[in-house]
Amino acid sequence: MIEQAFLDKKEVYIPKIIKKSEMIPVLLTSFDDLIDGAYKIKTSKLEKSLEKIDLTIVPGLSFDKNKFRLGYGGGYYDYYIKNHKSFYIGLFYQINKSYKLNFDNFDQKLDLIITDKNIF
């Protein structure tokens, strides 16, 4: 997807963890810009950030029909979603669907979930 975005001359921003439970999007212009960030998660060595991102693809382990997701436990995306306008999409395999996830008041819903079999 990133490769295609580069070919389409779109700007691509990827997450960079800057402090506990907070990340920012940083510009990625080439795969050569990738470096290890916090938790050995690849990020961009570039510092350019953007406050408003049109589309954000959010990772996760599981999801439910209400568009809640089970993340990796850091709260980075929930904090980001709560504080930044964007259109948030989760990409999952249908097999990762849960009947109903338990969520807290800090958990944030996505706008759309796309699986290999359905769109929620």
N, C-alpha and C. Protein backbone atom coordinates (compact mmCIF):
# COMPACT_ATOMS: atom_id res chain seq x y z
N MET A 1 0.82 -1.19 0.00
CA MET A 1 0.00 0.00 0.00
C MET A 1 0.86 1.25 0.00
N ILE A 2 1.94 1.22 0.77
CA ILE A 2 2.83 2.37 0.82
C ILE A 2 3.52 2.56 -0.52
N GLU A 3 3.96 1.46 -1.11
CA GLU A 3 4.59 1.53 -2.43
C GLU A 3 3.66 2.18 -3.45
N GLN A 4 2.40 1.76 -3.44
CA GLN A 4 1.43 2.32 -4.38
C GLN A 4 1.20 3.80 -4.10
N ALA A 5 1.15 4.18 -2.83
CA ALA A 5 0.99 5.59 -2.48
C ALA A 5 2.15 6.42 -3.01
N PHE A 6 3.38 5.89 -2.90
CA PHE A 6 4.54 6.59 -3.47
C PHE A 6 4.37 6.76 -4.98
N LEU A 7 3.95 5.69 -5.66
CA LEU A 7 3.75 5.75 -7.11
C LEU A 7 2.67 6.76 -7.49
N ASP A 8 1.66 6.90 -6.64
CA ASP A 8 0.57 7.84 -6.87
C ASP A 8 0.91 9.26 -6.42
N LYS A 9 2.16 9.47 -6.00
CA LYS A 9 2.64 10.79 -5.57
C LYS A 9 1.87 11.33 -4.35
N LYS A 10 1.47 10.42 -3.47
CA LYS A 10 0.79 10.82 -2.24
C LYS A 10 1.81 10.94 -1.12
N GLU A 11 1.53 11.81 -0.18
CA GLU A 11 2.38 11.90 1.00
C GLU A 11 1.99 10.78 1.96
N VAL A 12 2.99 10.11 2.49
CA VAL A 12 2.77 9.01 3.43
C VAL A 12 3.38 9.40 4.77
N TYR A 13 2.60 9.26 5.82
CA TYR A 13 3.07 9.52 7.17
C TYR A 13 2.91 8.24 7.98
N ILE A 14 3.92 7.93 8.77
CA ILE A 14 3.87 6.73 9.59
C ILE A 14 4.07 7.14 11.06
N PRO A 15 3.66 6.28 11.99
CA PRO A 15 3.71 6.67 13.40
C PRO A 15 5.13 6.73 13.97
N LYS A 16 5.31 7.67 14.88
CA LYS A 16 6.54 7.77 15.65
C LYS A 16 6.13 8.04 17.09
N ILE A 17 6.55 7.15 17.98
CA ILE A 17 6.24 7.30 19.40
C ILE A 17 7.16 8.37 19.97
N ILE A 18 6.55 9.37 20.61
CA ILE A 18 7.36 10.47 21.17
C ILE A 18 7.38 10.48 22.69
N LYS A 19 6.36 9.89 23.31
CA LYS A 19 6.35 9.72 24.77
C LYS A 19 5.26 8.73 25.12
N LYS A 20 5.14 8.41 26.39
CA LYS A 20 4.18 7.39 26.83
C LYS A 20 2.78 7.69 26.30
N SER A 21 2.22 6.75 25.59
CA SER A 21 0.88 6.82 25.01
C SER A 21 0.69 7.93 24.00
N GLU A 22 1.77 8.49 23.46
CA GLU A 22 1.61 9.53 22.45
C GLU A 22 2.51 9.28 21.26
N MET A 23 1.91 9.39 20.09
CA MET A 23 2.66 9.25 18.84
C MET A 23 2.26 10.39 17.92
N ILE A 24 3.10 10.64 16.94
CA ILE A 24 2.82 11.63 15.91
C ILE A 24 3.06 10.99 14.55
N PRO A 25 2.41 11.50 13.51
CA PRO A 25 2.71 11.01 12.16
C PRO A 25 3.93 11.75 11.62
N VAL A 26 4.89 11.00 11.07
CA VAL A 26 6.07 11.61 10.46
C VAL A 26 6.17 11.17 9.00
N LEU A 27 6.65 12.09 8.17
CA LEU A 27 6.73 11.87 6.73
C LEU A 27 7.69 10.73 6.39
N LEU A 28 7.26 9.90 5.46
CA LEU A 28 8.11 8.85 4.90
C LEU A 28 8.16 9.09 3.40
N THR A 29 9.34 9.37 2.86
CA THR A 29 9.44 9.62 1.42
C THR A 29 10.05 8.44 0.67
N SER A 30 10.66 7.51 1.42
CA SER A 30 11.31 6.35 0.83
C SER A 30 11.49 5.29 1.91
N PHE A 31 11.55 4.05 1.51
CA PHE A 31 11.83 2.99 2.48
C PHE A 31 13.23 3.14 3.05
N ASP A 32 14.09 3.89 2.37
CA ASP A 32 15.44 4.16 2.88
C ASP A 32 15.41 5.07 4.10
N ASP A 33 14.28 5.76 4.34
CA ASP A 33 14.13 6.65 5.49
C ASP A 33 13.82 5.89 6.78
N LEU A 34 13.54 4.59 6.69
CA LEU A 34 13.12 3.84 7.87
C LEU A 34 14.27 3.59 8.85
N ILE A 35 13.96 3.79 10.12
CA ILE A 35 14.89 3.50 11.21
C ILE A 35 14.10 2.79 12.32
N ASP A 36 14.81 2.18 13.26
CA ASP A 36 14.14 1.60 14.42
C ASP A 36 13.75 2.70 15.37
N GLY A 37 12.49 2.70 15.79
CA GLY A 37 12.00 3.65 16.77
C GLY A 37 11.78 2.95 18.10
N ALA A 38 10.92 3.52 18.93
CA ALA A 38 10.59 2.92 20.21
C ALA A 38 10.05 1.51 20.00
N TYR A 39 10.39 0.62 20.89
CA TYR A 39 9.97 -0.79 20.84
C TYR A 39 10.42 -1.49 19.56
N LYS A 40 11.46 -0.95 18.91
CA LYS A 40 11.98 -1.50 17.64
C LYS A 40 10.96 -1.45 16.51
N ILE A 41 9.98 -0.55 16.63
CA ILE A 41 8.99 -0.35 15.57
C ILE A 41 9.58 0.60 14.55
N LYS A 42 9.55 0.21 13.30
CA LYS A 42 10.10 1.05 12.24
C LYS A 42 9.35 2.38 12.16
N THR A 43 10.10 3.45 12.02
CA THR A 43 9.54 4.78 11.84
C THR A 43 10.44 5.53 10.86
N SER A 44 10.10 6.76 10.56
CA SER A 44 10.88 7.55 9.62
C SER A 44 11.95 8.34 10.36
N LYS A 45 13.11 8.48 9.73
CA LYS A 45 14.16 9.32 10.31
C LYS A 45 13.86 10.80 10.08
N LEU A 46 12.87 11.09 9.22
CA LEU A 46 12.50 12.47 8.95
C LEU A 46 11.69 13.03 10.12
N GLU A 47 11.72 14.33 10.29
CA GLU A 47 11.04 14.97 11.42
C GLU A 47 9.74 15.67 11.01
N LYS A 48 9.48 15.81 9.71
CA LYS A 48 8.28 16.53 9.27
C LYS A 48 7.03 15.78 9.74
N SER A 49 6.15 16.51 10.42
CA SER A 49 4.90 15.96 10.90
C SER A 49 3.75 16.78 10.32
N LEU A 50 2.55 16.27 10.48
CA LEU A 50 1.37 16.94 9.96
C LEU A 50 0.26 16.77 10.99
N GLU A 51 -0.45 17.85 11.27
CA GLU A 51 -1.50 17.80 12.29
C GLU A 51 -2.74 17.06 11.80
N LYS A 52 -3.13 17.28 10.54
CA LYS A 52 -4.34 16.64 10.02
C LYS A 52 -3.98 15.66 8.91
N ILE A 53 -4.32 14.42 9.13
CA ILE A 53 -4.09 13.35 8.16
C ILE A 53 -5.46 12.96 7.58
N ASP A 54 -5.58 12.86 6.26
CA ASP A 54 -6.86 12.54 5.63
C ASP A 54 -7.34 11.13 5.95
N LEU A 55 -6.43 10.16 5.90
CA LEU A 55 -6.79 8.76 6.09
C LEU A 55 -5.74 8.11 6.97
N THR A 56 -6.20 7.41 8.00
CA THR A 56 -5.29 6.71 8.91
C THR A 56 -5.67 5.25 8.96
N ILE A 57 -4.72 4.38 8.66
CA ILE A 57 -4.92 2.94 8.76
C ILE A 57 -4.40 2.50 10.12
N VAL A 58 -5.28 1.87 10.89
CA VAL A 58 -4.99 1.55 12.28
C VAL A 58 -4.79 0.04 12.43
N PRO A 59 -3.69 -0.39 13.07
CA PRO A 59 -3.47 -1.83 13.27
C PRO A 59 -4.27 -2.35 14.46
N GLY A 60 -4.37 -3.66 14.55
CA GLY A 60 -5.04 -4.27 15.69
C GLY A 60 -4.97 -5.78 15.63
N LEU A 61 -5.36 -6.39 16.74
CA LEU A 61 -5.36 -7.85 16.85
C LEU A 61 -6.73 -8.45 16.56
N SER A 62 -7.78 -7.71 16.92
CA SER A 62 -9.13 -8.19 16.73
C SER A 62 -10.07 -6.99 16.62
N PHE A 63 -11.32 -7.25 16.22
CA PHE A 63 -12.30 -6.18 16.07
C PHE A 63 -13.67 -6.78 16.31
N ASP A 64 -14.67 -5.91 16.48
CA ASP A 64 -16.05 -6.39 16.56
C ASP A 64 -16.92 -5.61 15.59
N LYS A 65 -18.18 -6.01 15.47
CA LYS A 65 -19.09 -5.40 14.51
C LYS A 65 -19.40 -3.95 14.83
N ASN A 66 -19.11 -3.51 16.06
CA ASN A 66 -19.34 -2.12 16.46
C ASN A 66 -18.16 -1.22 16.11
N LYS A 67 -17.17 -1.77 15.44
CA LYS A 67 -15.98 -1.06 14.96
C LYS A 67 -15.01 -0.70 16.09
N PHE A 68 -15.07 -1.45 17.18
CA PHE A 68 -14.02 -1.34 18.19
C PHE A 68 -12.94 -2.34 17.84
N ARG A 69 -11.72 -2.04 18.27
CA ARG A 69 -10.59 -2.90 17.97
C ARG A 69 -9.84 -3.22 19.25
N LEU A 70 -9.21 -4.36 19.21
CA LEU A 70 -8.29 -4.73 20.28
C LEU A 70 -6.90 -4.44 19.74
N GLY A 71 -6.20 -3.53 20.39
CA GLY A 71 -4.87 -3.16 19.94
C GLY A 71 -3.80 -3.95 20.67
N TYR A 72 -2.66 -3.34 20.82
CA TYR A 72 -1.52 -4.01 21.44
C TYR A 72 -1.28 -3.55 22.87
N GLY A 73 -2.21 -2.74 23.43
CA GLY A 73 -2.17 -2.41 24.84
C GLY A 73 -1.49 -1.12 25.23
N GLY A 74 -0.93 -0.39 24.28
CA GLY A 74 -0.24 0.85 24.63
C GLY A 74 -1.13 2.08 24.67
N GLY A 75 -2.27 2.04 24.02
CA GLY A 75 -3.18 3.17 23.99
C GLY A 75 -2.79 4.27 23.02
N TYR A 76 -1.75 4.06 22.22
CA TYR A 76 -1.26 5.09 21.32
C TYR A 76 -2.31 5.50 20.30
N TYR A 77 -2.95 4.52 19.66
CA TYR A 77 -3.94 4.85 18.64
C TYR A 77 -5.22 5.41 19.25
N ASP A 78 -5.64 4.90 20.40
CA ASP A 78 -6.83 5.46 21.05
C ASP A 78 -6.61 6.93 21.39
N TYR A 79 -5.47 7.26 21.93
CA TYR A 79 -5.15 8.66 22.25
C TYR A 79 -5.13 9.50 20.97
N TYR A 80 -4.51 8.97 19.93
CA TYR A 80 -4.41 9.71 18.66
C TYR A 80 -5.81 9.93 18.06
N ILE A 81 -6.61 8.87 18.00
CA ILE A 81 -7.95 8.98 17.41
C ILE A 81 -8.79 10.00 18.17
N LYS A 82 -8.71 9.99 19.48
CA LYS A 82 -9.49 10.90 20.30
C LYS A 82 -9.12 12.36 20.04
N ASN A 83 -7.86 12.62 19.72
CA ASN A 83 -7.36 13.99 19.65
C ASN A 83 -7.07 14.51 18.25
N HIS A 84 -7.33 13.72 17.21
CA HIS A 84 -7.01 14.14 15.84
C HIS A 84 -8.13 13.74 14.88
N LYS A 85 -8.51 14.67 14.02
CA LYS A 85 -9.50 14.38 12.98
C LYS A 85 -8.82 13.63 11.85
N SER A 86 -9.45 12.56 11.41
CA SER A 86 -9.00 11.77 10.28
C SER A 86 -10.13 10.80 9.98
N PHE A 87 -9.98 10.01 8.93
CA PHE A 87 -10.89 8.90 8.67
C PHE A 87 -10.10 7.65 9.02
N TYR A 88 -10.61 6.88 9.98
CA TYR A 88 -9.85 5.75 10.54
C TYR A 88 -10.38 4.42 10.03
N ILE A 89 -9.48 3.65 9.44
CA ILE A 89 -9.81 2.34 8.88
C ILE A 89 -8.95 1.28 9.54
N GLY A 90 -9.58 0.17 9.91
CA GLY A 90 -8.86 -1.01 10.37
C GLY A 90 -8.91 -2.07 9.30
N LEU A 91 -7.78 -2.69 9.03
CA LEU A 91 -7.70 -3.79 8.06
C LEU A 91 -7.44 -5.08 8.83
N PHE A 92 -8.33 -6.05 8.66
CA PHE A 92 -8.23 -7.30 9.40
C PHE A 92 -8.61 -8.48 8.51
N TYR A 93 -8.21 -9.65 8.93
CA TYR A 93 -8.78 -10.86 8.35
C TYR A 93 -10.08 -11.14 9.09
N GLN A 94 -11.07 -11.64 8.39
CA GLN A 94 -12.38 -11.93 9.00
C GLN A 94 -12.23 -12.85 10.21
N ILE A 95 -11.28 -13.75 10.17
CA ILE A 95 -11.07 -14.70 11.27
C ILE A 95 -10.73 -13.98 12.58
N ASN A 96 -10.28 -12.74 12.51
CA ASN A 96 -9.93 -11.98 13.72
C ASN A 96 -11.14 -11.29 14.35
N LYS A 97 -12.33 -11.50 13.79
CA LYS A 97 -13.53 -10.85 14.33
C LYS A 97 -13.91 -11.49 15.66
N SER A 98 -14.22 -10.65 16.63
CA SER A 98 -14.71 -11.10 17.93
C SER A 98 -16.21 -10.84 17.99
N TYR A 99 -16.90 -11.61 18.82
CA TYR A 99 -18.34 -11.40 18.96
C TYR A 99 -18.62 -10.01 19.50
N LYS A 100 -18.02 -9.67 20.63
CA LYS A 100 -18.14 -8.33 21.20
C LYS A 100 -16.95 -8.11 22.11
N LEU A 101 -16.23 -7.04 21.86
CA LEU A 101 -15.08 -6.71 22.69
C LEU A 101 -15.52 -5.88 23.88
N ASN A 102 -14.90 -6.10 25.00
CA ASN A 102 -15.10 -5.23 26.16
C ASN A 102 -14.25 -4.00 25.94
N PHE A 103 -14.81 -2.83 26.19
CA PHE A 103 -14.03 -1.63 25.99
C PHE A 103 -14.24 -0.68 27.15
N ASP A 104 -13.26 0.20 27.33
CA ASP A 104 -13.30 1.22 28.38
C ASP A 104 -13.62 2.56 27.74
N ASN A 105 -13.82 3.59 28.58
CA ASN A 105 -14.18 4.91 28.05
C ASN A 105 -13.08 5.55 27.22
N PHE A 106 -11.83 5.07 27.33
CA PHE A 106 -10.75 5.63 26.53
C PHE A 106 -10.60 4.93 25.18
N ASP A 107 -11.25 3.78 24.98
CA ASP A 107 -11.18 3.07 23.70
C ASP A 107 -11.99 3.82 22.65
N GLN A 108 -11.44 3.93 21.46
CA GLN A 108 -12.06 4.70 20.39
C GLN A 108 -12.50 3.79 19.25
N LYS A 109 -13.68 4.10 18.67
CA LYS A 109 -14.19 3.35 17.53
C LYS A 109 -13.50 3.81 16.25
N LEU A 110 -13.44 2.92 15.29
CA LEU A 110 -12.96 3.27 13.96
C LEU A 110 -14.14 3.69 13.10
N ASP A 111 -13.85 4.34 11.99
CA ASP A 111 -14.90 4.73 11.05
C ASP A 111 -15.31 3.57 10.15
N LEU A 112 -14.36 2.70 9.85
CA LEU A 112 -14.61 1.62 8.91
C LEU A 112 -13.66 0.47 9.22
N ILE A 113 -14.18 -0.75 9.08
CA ILE A 113 -13.32 -1.92 9.18
C ILE A 113 -13.49 -2.71 7.88
N ILE A 114 -12.37 -3.06 7.28
CA ILE A 114 -12.38 -3.83 6.04
C ILE A 114 -11.68 -5.15 6.32
N THR A 115 -12.36 -6.24 5.96
CA THR A 115 -11.76 -7.57 6.09
C THR A 115 -11.66 -8.19 4.70
N ASP A 116 -11.11 -9.37 4.66
CA ASP A 116 -11.04 -10.10 3.39
C ASP A 116 -12.42 -10.55 2.93
N LYS A 117 -13.44 -10.44 3.80
CA LYS A 117 -14.78 -10.92 3.43
C LYS A 117 -15.90 -9.89 3.59
N ASN A 118 -15.70 -8.86 4.43
CA ASN A 118 -16.77 -7.91 4.74
C ASN A 118 -16.25 -6.50 4.93
N ILE A 119 -17.19 -5.58 4.94
CA ILE A 119 -16.92 -4.19 5.32
C ILE A 119 -17.90 -3.84 6.43
N PHE A 120 -17.38 -3.31 7.51
CA PHE A 120 -18.21 -2.91 8.65
C PHE A 120 -18.14 -1.41 8.80
